[in-house]
Amino acid sequence: MDVREIETQKTWEALADRVMAPLPQRWLYGDAAKRVGREVVRLCVFDGVAPVALAQIVIRSMFGIRTHLITRGPLFFDEPDVMSRKTALRSLRRALPQGIKLASPEERLGRVPLSAPPEIAELDLRPCLSGLRTQMNGKWRNGLKKSEASRLKVARLEATPAALMPLLQAEKDRQTAGKYRALPPEFTLALQEVAPRSLRLFTASDAQMLFVVHSNTATYQIGHSGPEGRASNAHNLILWQAMQRLKAEGVQRLDLGTLDTAKAPDLARFKLRSGATARRLAPAALI
């Protein structure tokens, strides 16, 4: 197997679409990482002309030690056998310069785990709209009906830095309070700088939700609601309308992010009751 660096966005995204890559393995994520001072390398392992594994690596240096991090990757094509998987990982490891080489993958790599495996919530947007409503939890669907019956309206705003600032400040306050861990708000601003057309900002009453579209997949990035939005189930209505609009854009899967039932149980319930499926990822490991 040989490892090739992918240098054009068109080629990378075509490969990423084949494996329905999540945000951390998308071109715009790498560009945002560069914007905040990281190095980025995009590699694909080939067996002849057939791609075997895809990996976007974000590199940072701390105390003179370089760390190569593959978040939500490497992503494998066509479910290779155990030997092919090991060979691909060995090829990736050799292609990277000296330093710590760490992956937090979608599926187990057969390496010694370094952390507990996280769990995420995913919405499959491929069913018809009636099917999407049917798979919602009854309580969640009733909350949606309540907001639909009110005068509440969902508006899409241009995701400018000024429009994002209240949402980002609320996010920063929650993270500072230790309610959960996520990408810092500054990274969302970097995404806005490198790919403003990929952001979808929706608002209703005093509630907002921000999504990032990356070809045939999308990610729920940040949300916030004030007392009026909570009373009127604004997030139910925003998410439902976002699901419809994203589906119309060709998005097949919406990543709702990590499920943290200890620190954010209400948010975890909200995500799962929307019809999402919980999926446990693999633990982080050295490659």
C-alpha atoms as a PDB file:
ATOM      1  CA  MET A   1       0.000   0.000   0.000  1.00  0.00           C
ATOM      2  CA  ASP A   2       1.129   3.537  -0.672  1.00  0.00           C
ATOM      3  CA  VAL A   3       0.147   6.817   0.965  1.00  0.00           C
ATOM      4  CA  ARG A   4      -0.604   9.886  -1.111  1.00  0.00           C
ATOM      5  CA  GLU A   5      -1.203  13.423   0.023  1.00  0.00           C
ATOM      6  CA  ILE A   6      -4.455  14.858  -1.327  1.00  0.00           C
ATOM      7  CA  GLU A   7      -3.846  18.474  -2.309  1.00  0.00           C
ATOM      8  CA  THR A   8      -7.138  19.599  -3.880  1.00  0.00           C
ATOM      9  CA  GLN A   9     -10.453  20.137  -2.154  1.00  0.00           C
ATOM     10  CA  LYS A  10     -12.408  18.579  -5.016  1.00  0.00           C
ATOM     11  CA  THR A  11     -10.504  15.281  -4.808  1.00  0.00           C
ATOM     12  CA  TRP A  12     -10.635  15.182  -1.013  1.00  0.00           C
ATOM     13  CA  GLU A  13     -14.353  15.854  -0.803  1.00  0.00           C
ATOM     14  CA  ALA A  14     -15.134  13.250  -3.458  1.00  0.00           C
ATOM     15  CA  LEU A  15     -13.320  10.664  -1.322  1.00  0.00           C
ATOM     16  CA  ALA A  16     -14.909  11.988   1.892  1.00  0.00           C
ATOM     17  CA  ASP A  17     -18.387  11.685   0.378  1.00  0.00           C
ATOM     18  CA  ARG A  18     -17.821   7.999  -0.315  1.00  0.00           C
ATOM     19  CA  VAL A  19     -17.376   7.334   3.406  1.00  0.00           C
ATOM     20  CA  MET A  20     -19.898  10.013   4.521  1.00  0.00           C
ATOM     21  CA  ALA A  21     -17.137  11.722   6.454  1.00  0.00           C
ATOM     22  CA  PRO A  22     -17.971  13.691   9.614  1.00  0.00           C
ATOM     23  CA  LEU A  23     -16.922  17.324  10.081  1.00  0.00           C
ATOM     24  CA  PRO A  24     -13.416  16.666  11.508  1.00  0.00           C
ATOM     25  CA  GLN A  25     -12.506  14.789   8.325  1.00  0.00           C
ATOM     26  CA  ARG A  26     -13.789  17.497   5.953  1.00  0.00           C
ATOM     27  CA  TRP A  27     -11.693  20.015   4.042  1.00  0.00           C
ATOM     28  CA  LEU A  28     -13.243  23.055   5.723  1.00  0.00           C
ATOM     29  CA  TYR A  29     -12.358  21.689   9.178  1.00  0.00           C
ATOM     30  CA  GLY A  30      -8.729  21.439   8.145  1.00  0.00           C
ATOM     31  CA  ASP A  31      -8.792  24.973   6.778  1.00  0.00           C
ATOM     32  CA  ALA A  32     -10.276  26.230  10.051  1.00  0.00           C
ATOM     33  CA  ALA A  33      -7.574  24.375  11.998  1.00  0.00           C
ATOM     34  CA  LYS A  34      -4.951  26.144   9.897  1.00  0.00           C
ATOM     35  CA  ARG A  35      -6.648  29.456  10.666  1.00  0.00           C
ATOM     36  CA  VAL A  36      -6.144  28.882  14.407  1.00  0.00           C
ATOM     37  CA  GLY A  37      -2.479  28.000  13.949  1.00  0.00           C
ATOM     38  CA  ARG A  38      -2.375  24.257  13.357  1.00  0.00           C
ATOM     39  CA  GLU A  39      -0.647  22.321  10.619  1.00  0.00           C
ATOM     40  CA  VAL A  40      -2.840  20.013   8.540  1.00  0.00           C
ATOM     41  CA  VAL A  41      -1.975  17.022   6.369  1.00  0.00           C
ATOM     42  CA  ARG A  42      -4.549  15.158   4.264  1.00  0.00           C
ATOM     43  CA  LEU A  43      -3.568  11.596   3.379  1.00  0.00           C
ATOM     44  CA  CYS A  44      -5.177   8.662   1.608  1.00  0.00           C
ATOM     45  CA  VAL A  45      -3.874   5.097   1.683  1.00  0.00           C
ATOM     46  CA  PHE A  46      -4.224   3.286  -1.642  1.00  0.00           C
ATOM     47  CA  ASP A  47      -3.926  -0.357  -2.592  1.00  0.00           C
ATOM     48  CA  GLY A  48      -3.120   0.089  -6.256  1.00  0.00           C
ATOM     49  CA  VAL A  49      -5.825   2.437  -7.527  1.00  0.00           C
ATOM     50  CA  ALA A  50      -8.338   1.556  -4.792  1.00  0.00           C
ATOM     51  CA  PRO A  51      -8.544   3.858  -1.740  1.00  0.00           C
ATOM     52  CA  VAL A  52      -8.333   2.005   1.565  1.00  0.00           C
ATOM     53  CA  ALA A  53      -8.259   4.677   4.278  1.00  0.00           C
ATOM     54  CA  LEU A  54      -8.674   8.439   4.514  1.00  0.00           C
ATOM     55  CA  ALA A  55      -7.129  10.575   7.252  1.00  0.00           C
ATOM     56  CA  GLN A  56      -6.977  14.313   7.856  1.00  0.00           C
ATOM     57  CA  ILE A  57      -4.305  14.954  10.466  1.00  0.00           C
ATOM     58  CA  VAL A  58      -4.116  18.097  12.591  1.00  0.00           C
ATOM     59  CA  ILE A  59      -0.627  18.723  13.973  1.00  0.00           C
ATOM     60  CA  ARG A  60       0.271  20.823  16.991  1.00  0.00           C
ATOM     61  CA  SER A  61       3.424  21.267  19.041  1.00  0.00           C
ATOM     62  CA  MET A  62       3.506  21.445  22.828  1.00  0.00           C
ATOM     63  CA  PHE A  63       6.743  21.749  24.783  1.00  0.00           C
ATOM     64  CA  GLY A  64       8.663  20.786  21.671  1.00  0.00           C
ATOM     65  CA  ILE A  65       6.661  17.574  21.112  1.00  0.00           C
ATOM     66  CA  ARG A  66       4.631  17.266  17.935  1.00  0.00           C
ATOM     67  CA  THR A  67       1.250  15.578  18.210  1.00  0.00           C
ATOM     68  CA  HIS A  68      -0.512  14.264  15.106  1.00  0.00           C
ATOM     69  CA  LEU A  69      -4.237  13.934  15.794  1.00  0.00           C
ATOM     70  CA  ILE A  70      -6.745  12.137  13.557  1.00  0.00           C
ATOM     71  CA  THR A  71     -10.198  13.048  14.867  1.00  0.00           C
ATOM     72  CA  ARG A  72     -13.073  10.749  13.807  1.00  0.00           C
ATOM     73  CA  GLY A  73     -10.662   8.857  11.588  1.00  0.00           C
ATOM     74  CA  PRO A  74      -9.017   7.235   9.777  1.00  0.00           C
ATOM     75  CA  LEU A  75     -12.057   6.352   7.693  1.00  0.00           C
ATOM     76  CA  PHE A  76     -11.958   3.032   5.854  1.00  0.00           C
ATOM     77  CA  PHE A  77     -13.465   2.237   2.472  1.00  0.00           C
ATOM     78  CA  ASP A  78     -15.333  -1.007   1.803  1.00  0.00           C
ATOM     79  CA  GLU A  79     -14.698  -2.598   5.230  1.00  0.00           C
ATOM     80  CA  PRO A  80     -11.178  -3.972   4.689  1.00  0.00           C
ATOM     81  CA  ASP A  81     -10.124  -7.173   6.408  1.00  0.00           C
ATOM     82  CA  VAL A  82      -8.030  -7.104   9.587  1.00  0.00           C
ATOM     83  CA  MET A  83      -4.715  -7.477   7.769  1.00  0.00           C
ATOM     84  CA  SER A  84      -5.498  -4.698   5.283  1.00  0.00           C
ATOM     85  CA  ARG A  85      -6.547  -2.436   8.140  1.00  0.00           C
ATOM     86  CA  LYS A  86      -3.284  -3.086  10.005  1.00  0.00           C
ATOM     87  CA  THR A  87      -1.259  -2.484   6.858  1.00  0.00           C
ATOM     88  CA  ALA A  88      -3.086   0.787   6.193  1.00  0.00           C
ATOM     89  CA  LEU A  89      -2.450   2.004   9.756  1.00  0.00           C
ATOM     90  CA  ARG A  90       1.213   1.068   9.500  1.00  0.00           C
ATOM     91  CA  SER A  91       1.465   2.954   6.205  1.00  0.00           C
ATOM     92  CA  LEU A  92      -0.139   6.046   7.762  1.00  0.00           C
ATOM     93  CA  ARG A  93       2.175   5.888  10.760  1.00  0.00           C
ATOM     94  CA  ARG A  94       5.258   5.703   8.556  1.00  0.00           C
ATOM     95  CA  ALA A  95       4.045   8.581   6.373  1.00  0.00           C
ATOM     96  CA  LEU A  96       3.952  10.965   9.332  1.00  0.00           C
ATOM     97  CA  PRO A  97       7.078  12.573  10.787  1.00  0.00           C
ATOM     98  CA  GLN A  98       8.309  11.826  14.284  1.00  0.00           C
ATOM     99  CA  GLY A  99       5.954  12.624  17.139  1.00  0.00           C
ATOM    100  CA  ILE A 100       2.908  11.307  18.972  1.00  0.00           C
ATOM    101  CA  LYS A 101       0.388   9.821  16.534  1.00  0.00           C
ATOM    102  CA  LEU A 102      -3.083   9.667  18.047  1.00  0.00           C
ATOM    103  CA  ALA A 103      -6.445   8.717  16.544  1.00  0.00           C
ATOM    104  CA  SER A 104      -9.960   9.029  17.942  1.00  0.00           C
ATOM    105  CA  PRO A 105     -11.624   6.838  15.307  1.00  0.00           C
ATOM    106  CA  GLU A 106     -15.125   5.820  14.301  1.00  0.00           C
ATOM    107  CA  GLU A 107     -14.380   2.154  14.930  1.00  0.00           C
ATOM    108  CA  ARG A 108     -11.818   0.203  16.948  1.00  0.00           C
ATOM    109  CA  LEU A 109      -8.344   0.027  15.476  1.00  0.00           C
ATOM    110  CA  GLY A 110      -7.168  -2.957  17.449  1.00  0.00           C
ATOM    111  CA  ARG A 111      -4.848  -0.753  19.518  1.00  0.00           C
ATOM    112  CA  VAL A 112      -4.654  -0.190  23.278  1.00  0.00           C
ATOM    113  CA  PRO A 113      -7.418   2.306  24.188  1.00  0.00           C
ATOM    114  CA  LEU A 114      -6.379   5.558  25.872  1.00  0.00           C
ATOM    115  CA  SER A 115      -9.818   6.866  26.817  1.00  0.00           C
ATOM    116  CA  ALA A 116     -13.432   5.872  27.263  1.00  0.00           C
ATOM    117  CA  PRO A 117     -15.276   5.672  23.927  1.00  0.00           C
ATOM    118  CA  PRO A 118     -17.646   8.607  23.347  1.00  0.00           C
ATOM    119  CA  GLU A 119     -21.233   8.258  22.172  1.00  0.00           C
ATOM    120  CA  ILE A 120     -22.840  10.447  19.525  1.00  0.00           C
ATOM    121  CA  ALA A 121     -26.351  10.996  18.159  1.00  0.00           C
ATOM    122  CA  GLU A 122     -27.023  10.797  14.425  1.00  0.00           C
ATOM    123  CA  LEU A 123     -30.113  11.595  12.373  1.00  0.00           C
ATOM    124  CA  ASP A 124     -30.561   9.688   9.120  1.00  0.00           C
ATOM    125  CA  LEU A 125     -32.234  12.170   6.770  1.00  0.00           C
ATOM    126  CA  ARG A 126     -32.792   9.720   3.923  1.00  0.00           C
ATOM    127  CA  PRO A 127     -36.329   8.612   4.931  1.00  0.00           C
ATOM    128  CA  CYS A 128     -39.297  10.618   3.647  1.00  0.00           C
ATOM    129  CA  LEU A 129     -40.532  13.514   5.794  1.00  0.00           C
ATOM    130  CA  SER A 130     -43.430  11.515   7.201  1.00  0.00           C
ATOM    131  CA  GLY A 131     -40.973   8.794   8.127  1.00  0.00           C
ATOM    132  CA  LEU A 132     -38.745  11.298   9.934  1.00  0.00           C
ATOM    133  CA  ARG A 133     -41.722  12.486  12.011  1.00  0.00           C
ATOM    134  CA  THR A 134     -42.823   8.937  12.773  1.00  0.00           C
ATOM    135  CA  GLN A 135     -39.455   8.030  14.296  1.00  0.00           C
ATOM    136  CA  MET A 136     -39.611  10.955  16.753  1.00  0.00           C
ATOM    137  CA  ASN A 137     -40.397  10.211  20.387  1.00  0.00           C
ATOM    138  CA  GLY A 138     -44.041  10.970  21.189  1.00  0.00           C
ATOM    139  CA  LYS A 139     -43.215  13.651  23.761  1.00  0.00           C
ATOM    140  CA  TRP A 140     -40.776  15.330  21.378  1.00  0.00           C
ATOM    141  CA  ARG A 141     -43.318  15.253  18.552  1.00  0.00           C
ATOM    142  CA  ASN A 142     -45.992  16.736  20.838  1.00  0.00           C
ATOM    143  CA  GLY A 143     -43.620  19.568  21.692  1.00  0.00           C
ATOM    144  CA  LEU A 144     -43.095  20.133  17.971  1.00  0.00           C
ATOM    145  CA  LYS A 145     -46.865  20.203  17.371  1.00  0.00           C
ATOM    146  CA  LYS A 146     -47.239  22.774  20.133  1.00  0.00           C
ATOM    147  CA  SER A 147     -44.642  25.073  18.569  1.00  0.00           C
ATOM    148  CA  GLU A 148     -46.139  24.565  15.095  1.00  0.00           C
ATOM    149  CA  ALA A 149     -49.583  25.537  16.388  1.00  0.00           C
ATOM    150  CA  SER A 150     -48.243  28.769  17.866  1.00  0.00           C
ATOM    151  CA  ARG A 151     -47.250  31.897  15.957  1.00  0.00           C
ATOM    152  CA  LEU A 152     -43.600  30.960  16.266  1.00  0.00           C
ATOM    153  CA  LYS A 153     -41.647  31.462  13.044  1.00  0.00           C
ATOM    154  CA  VAL A 154     -38.214  30.134  12.129  1.00  0.00           C
ATOM    155  CA  ALA A 155     -35.917  32.485  10.224  1.00  0.00           C
ATOM    156  CA  ARG A 156     -32.586  31.751   8.637  1.00  0.00           C
ATOM    157  CA  LEU A 157     -29.980  34.425   9.321  1.00  0.00           C
ATOM    158  CA  GLU A 158     -26.757  35.091   7.470  1.00  0.00           C
ATOM    159  CA  ALA A 159     -24.044  33.582   9.674  1.00  0.00           C
ATOM    160  CA  THR A 160     -21.918  36.713  10.008  1.00  0.00           C
ATOM    161  CA  PRO A 161     -19.562  37.128  12.987  1.00  0.00           C
ATOM    162  CA  ALA A 162     -21.954  39.720  14.441  1.00  0.00           C
ATOM    163  CA  ALA A 163     -24.954  37.399  14.106  1.00  0.00           C
ATOM    164  CA  LEU A 164     -22.998  34.534  15.673  1.00  0.00           C
ATOM    165  CA  MET A 165     -21.607  36.486  18.618  1.00  0.00           C
ATOM    166  CA  PRO A 166     -24.554  36.084  21.075  1.00  0.00           C
ATOM    167  CA  LEU A 167     -24.660  32.363  20.393  1.00  0.00           C
ATOM    168  CA  LEU A 168     -20.889  32.006  20.761  1.00  0.00           C
ATOM    169  CA  GLN A 169     -20.875  33.966  24.021  1.00  0.00           C
ATOM    170  CA  ALA A 170     -23.583  31.726  25.469  1.00  0.00           C
ATOM    171  CA  GLU A 171     -21.560  28.702  24.381  1.00  0.00           C
ATOM    172  CA  LYS A 172     -18.406  30.082  25.990  1.00  0.00           C
ATOM    173  CA  ASP A 173     -20.253  30.709  29.250  1.00  0.00           C
ATOM    174  CA  ARG A 174     -21.540  27.122  29.333  1.00  0.00           C
ATOM    175  CA  GLN A 175     -18.113  25.661  28.646  1.00  0.00           C
ATOM    176  CA  THR A 176     -16.496  27.919  31.251  1.00  0.00           C
ATOM    177  CA  ALA A 177     -19.066  26.735  33.777  1.00  0.00           C
ATOM    178  CA  GLY A 178     -17.943  23.179  33.032  1.00  0.00           C
ATOM    179  CA  LYS A 179     -21.312  21.975  31.790  1.00  0.00           C
ATOM    180  CA  TYR A 180     -19.666  20.076  28.929  1.00  0.00           C
ATOM    181  CA  ARG A 181     -16.627  20.007  26.670  1.00  0.00           C
ATOM    182  CA  ALA A 182     -16.699  20.884  22.976  1.00  0.00           C
ATOM    183  CA  LEU A 183     -14.800  22.814  20.339  1.00  0.00           C
ATOM    184  CA  PRO A 184     -14.097  26.361  21.558  1.00  0.00           C
ATOM    185  CA  PRO A 185     -16.295  29.125  20.112  1.00  0.00           C
ATOM    186  CA  GLU A 186     -13.197  30.578  18.434  1.00  0.00           C
ATOM    187  CA  PHE A 187     -13.106  27.520  16.183  1.00  0.00           C
ATOM    188  CA  THR A 188     -16.635  28.274  14.986  1.00  0.00           C
ATOM    189  CA  LEU A 189     -15.461  31.763  14.001  1.00  0.00           C
ATOM    190  CA  ALA A 190     -12.600  30.153  12.083  1.00  0.00           C
ATOM    191  CA  LEU A 191     -15.140  27.979  10.241  1.00  0.00           C
ATOM    192  CA  GLN A 192     -17.102  31.113   9.415  1.00  0.00           C
ATOM    193  CA  GLU A 193     -13.988  32.767   8.018  1.00  0.00           C
ATOM    194  CA  VAL A 194     -12.958  29.886   5.767  1.00  0.00           C
ATOM    195  CA  ALA A 195     -16.398  28.613   4.676  1.00  0.00           C
ATOM    196  CA  PRO A 196     -19.194  31.095   5.490  1.00  0.00           C
ATOM    197  CA  ARG A 197     -21.565  29.508   2.957  1.00  0.00           C
ATOM    198  CA  SER A 198     -21.407  26.216   4.840  1.00  0.00           C
ATOM    199  CA  LEU A 199     -23.012  27.633   7.983  1.00  0.00           C
ATOM    200  CA  ARG A 200     -26.774  27.554   8.559  1.00  0.00           C
ATOM    201  CA  LEU A 201     -27.994  29.771  11.389  1.00  0.00           C
ATOM    202  CA  PHE A 202     -31.664  29.468  12.359  1.00  0.00           C
ATOM    203  CA  THR A 203     -33.557  31.500  14.956  1.00  0.00           C
ATOM    204  CA  ALA A 204     -37.033  31.501  16.499  1.00  0.00           C
ATOM    205  CA  SER A 205     -38.028  33.719  19.418  1.00  0.00           C
ATOM    206  CA  ASP A 206     -34.932  33.876  21.666  1.00  0.00           C
ATOM    207  CA  ALA A 207     -33.591  30.494  20.496  1.00  0.00           C
ATOM    208  CA  GLN A 208     -30.899  29.768  17.913  1.00  0.00           C
ATOM    209  CA  MET A 209     -29.262  26.707  16.370  1.00  0.00           C
ATOM    210  CA  LEU A 210     -26.190  26.629  14.143  1.00  0.00           C
ATOM    211  CA  PHE A 211     -25.424  23.850  11.659  1.00  0.00           C
ATOM    212  CA  VAL A 212     -22.428  23.215   9.409  1.00  0.00           C
ATOM    213  CA  VAL A 213     -23.058  21.613   6.017  1.00  0.00           C
ATOM    214  CA  HIS A 214     -20.246  19.540   4.543  1.00  0.00           C
ATOM    215  CA  SER A 215     -21.479  17.991   1.305  1.00  0.00           C
ATOM    216  CA  ASN A 216     -23.642  14.894   1.964  1.00  0.00           C
ATOM    217  CA  THR A 217     -23.314  15.182   5.758  1.00  0.00           C
ATOM    218  CA  ALA A 218     -23.892  18.011   8.234  1.00  0.00           C
ATOM    219  CA  THR A 219     -23.218  18.775  11.882  1.00  0.00           C
ATOM    220  CA  TYR A 220     -25.210  20.514  14.594  1.00  0.00           C
ATOM    221  CA  GLN A 221     -22.617  22.900  16.008  1.00  0.00           C
ATOM    222  CA  ILE A 222     -24.131  25.109  18.726  1.00  0.00           C
ATOM    223  CA  GLY A 223     -27.547  25.958  20.132  1.00  0.00           C
ATOM    224  CA  HIS A 224     -28.982  28.232  22.780  1.00  0.00           C
ATOM    225  CA  SER A 225     -32.430  29.095  24.052  1.00  0.00           C
ATOM    226  CA  GLY A 226     -33.794  31.731  26.405  1.00  0.00           C
ATOM    227  CA  PRO A 227     -36.905  31.354  28.587  1.00  0.00           C
ATOM    228  CA  GLU A 228     -39.358  32.166  25.786  1.00  0.00           C
ATOM    229  CA  GLY A 229     -37.801  29.605  23.466  1.00  0.00           C
ATOM    230  CA  ARG A 230     -37.856  26.919  26.147  1.00  0.00           C
ATOM    231  CA  ALA A 231     -41.498  27.633  26.947  1.00  0.00           C
ATOM    232  CA  SER A 232     -42.525  27.382  23.295  1.00  0.00           C
ATOM    233  CA  ASN A 233     -40.319  24.367  22.363  1.00  0.00           C
ATOM    234  CA  ALA A 234     -38.515  26.570  19.830  1.00  0.00           C
ATOM    235  CA  HIS A 235     -35.625  24.135  19.410  1.00  0.00           C
ATOM    236  CA  ASN A 236     -38.026  21.383  18.363  1.00  0.00           C
ATOM    237  CA  LEU A 237     -39.364  23.586  15.591  1.00  0.00           C
ATOM    238  CA  ILE A 238     -35.926  24.842  14.550  1.00  0.00           C
ATOM    239  CA  LEU A 239     -34.455  21.339  14.365  1.00  0.00           C
ATOM    240  CA  TRP A 240     -37.428  19.994  12.413  1.00  0.00           C
ATOM    241  CA  GLN A 241     -37.242  22.785   9.862  1.00  0.00           C
ATOM    242  CA  ALA A 242     -33.467  22.426   9.667  1.00  0.00           C
ATOM    243  CA  MET A 243     -33.888  18.706   8.985  1.00  0.00           C
ATOM    244  CA  GLN A 244     -36.230  19.480   6.087  1.00  0.00           C
ATOM    245  CA  ARG A 245     -33.995  22.160   4.594  1.00  0.00           C
ATOM    246  CA  LEU A 246     -30.818  20.122   4.943  1.00  0.00           C
ATOM    247  CA  LYS A 247     -32.506  17.105   3.365  1.00  0.00           C
ATOM    248  CA  ALA A 248     -33.556  19.308   0.432  1.00  0.00           C
ATOM    249  CA  GLU A 249     -29.895  20.320   0.032  1.00  0.00           C
ATOM    250  CA  GLY A 250     -28.855  16.680  -0.343  1.00  0.00           C
ATOM    251  CA  VAL A 251     -27.640  16.075   3.207  1.00  0.00           C
ATOM    252  CA  GLN A 252     -28.110  12.405   4.095  1.00  0.00           C
ATOM    253  CA  ARG A 253     -26.910  12.351   7.697  1.00  0.00           C
ATOM    254  CA  LEU A 254     -26.982  14.972  10.452  1.00  0.00           C
ATOM    255  CA  ASP A 255     -24.497  14.591  13.297  1.00  0.00           C
ATOM    256  CA  LEU A 256     -26.056  15.972  16.483  1.00  0.00           C
ATOM    257  CA  GLY A 257     -22.845  15.630  18.457  1.00  0.00           C
ATOM    258  CA  THR A 258     -21.799  13.942  21.664  1.00  0.00           C
ATOM    259  CA  LEU A 259     -24.259  12.490  24.152  1.00  0.00           C
ATOM    260  CA  ASP A 260     -23.257  13.381  27.717  1.00  0.00           C
ATOM    261  CA  THR A 261     -25.911  11.965  30.003  1.00  0.00           C
ATOM    262  CA  ALA A 262     -23.911  12.956  33.110  1.00  0.00           C
ATOM    263  CA  LYS A 263     -23.248  16.662  32.471  1.00  0.00           C
ATOM    264  CA  ALA A 264     -25.987  17.456  29.950  1.00  0.00           C
ATOM    265  CA  PRO A 265     -28.824  14.922  30.371  1.00  0.00           C
ATOM    266  CA  ASP A 266     -31.541  17.252  29.047  1.00  0.00           C
ATOM    267  CA  LEU A 267     -29.595  17.892  25.855  1.00  0.00           C
ATOM    268  CA  ALA A 268     -28.962  14.174  25.400  1.00  0.00           C
ATOM    269  CA  ARG A 269     -32.687  13.451  25.740  1.00  0.00           C
ATOM    270  CA  PHE A 270     -33.548  16.236  23.303  1.00  0.00           C
ATOM    271  CA  LYS A 271     -31.222  14.780  20.677  1.00  0.00           C
ATOM    272  CA  LEU A 272     -32.344  11.172  21.025  1.00  0.00           C
ATOM    273  CA  ARG A 273     -36.061  11.966  21.186  1.00  0.00           C
ATOM    274  CA  SER A 274     -35.794  13.847  17.882  1.00  0.00           C
ATOM    275  CA  GLY A 275     -35.457  10.460  16.203  1.00  0.00           C
ATOM    276  CA  ALA A 276     -31.676  10.249  16.307  1.00  0.00           C
ATOM    277  CA  THR A 277     -29.788   7.014  16.846  1.00  0.00           C
ATOM    278  CA  ALA A 278     -27.061   6.697  19.453  1.00  0.00           C
ATOM    279  CA  ARG A 279     -23.763   5.335  18.164  1.00  0.00           C
ATOM    280  CA  ARG A 280     -20.731   4.579  20.287  1.00  0.00           C
ATOM    281  CA  LEU A 281     -17.417   5.492  18.683  1.00  0.00           C
ATOM    282  CA  ALA A 282     -14.100   3.810  19.364  1.00  0.00           C
ATOM    283  CA  PRO A 283     -11.744   4.952  22.125  1.00  0.00           C
ATOM    284  CA  ALA A 284      -8.721   7.102  21.321  1.00  0.00           C
ATOM    285  CA  ALA A 285      -5.571   5.105  20.615  1.00  0.00           C
ATOM    286  CA  LEU A 286      -2.026   5.513  19.414  1.00  0.00           C
ATOM    287  CA  ILE A 287      -1.515   4.341  15.840  1.00  0.00           C
END
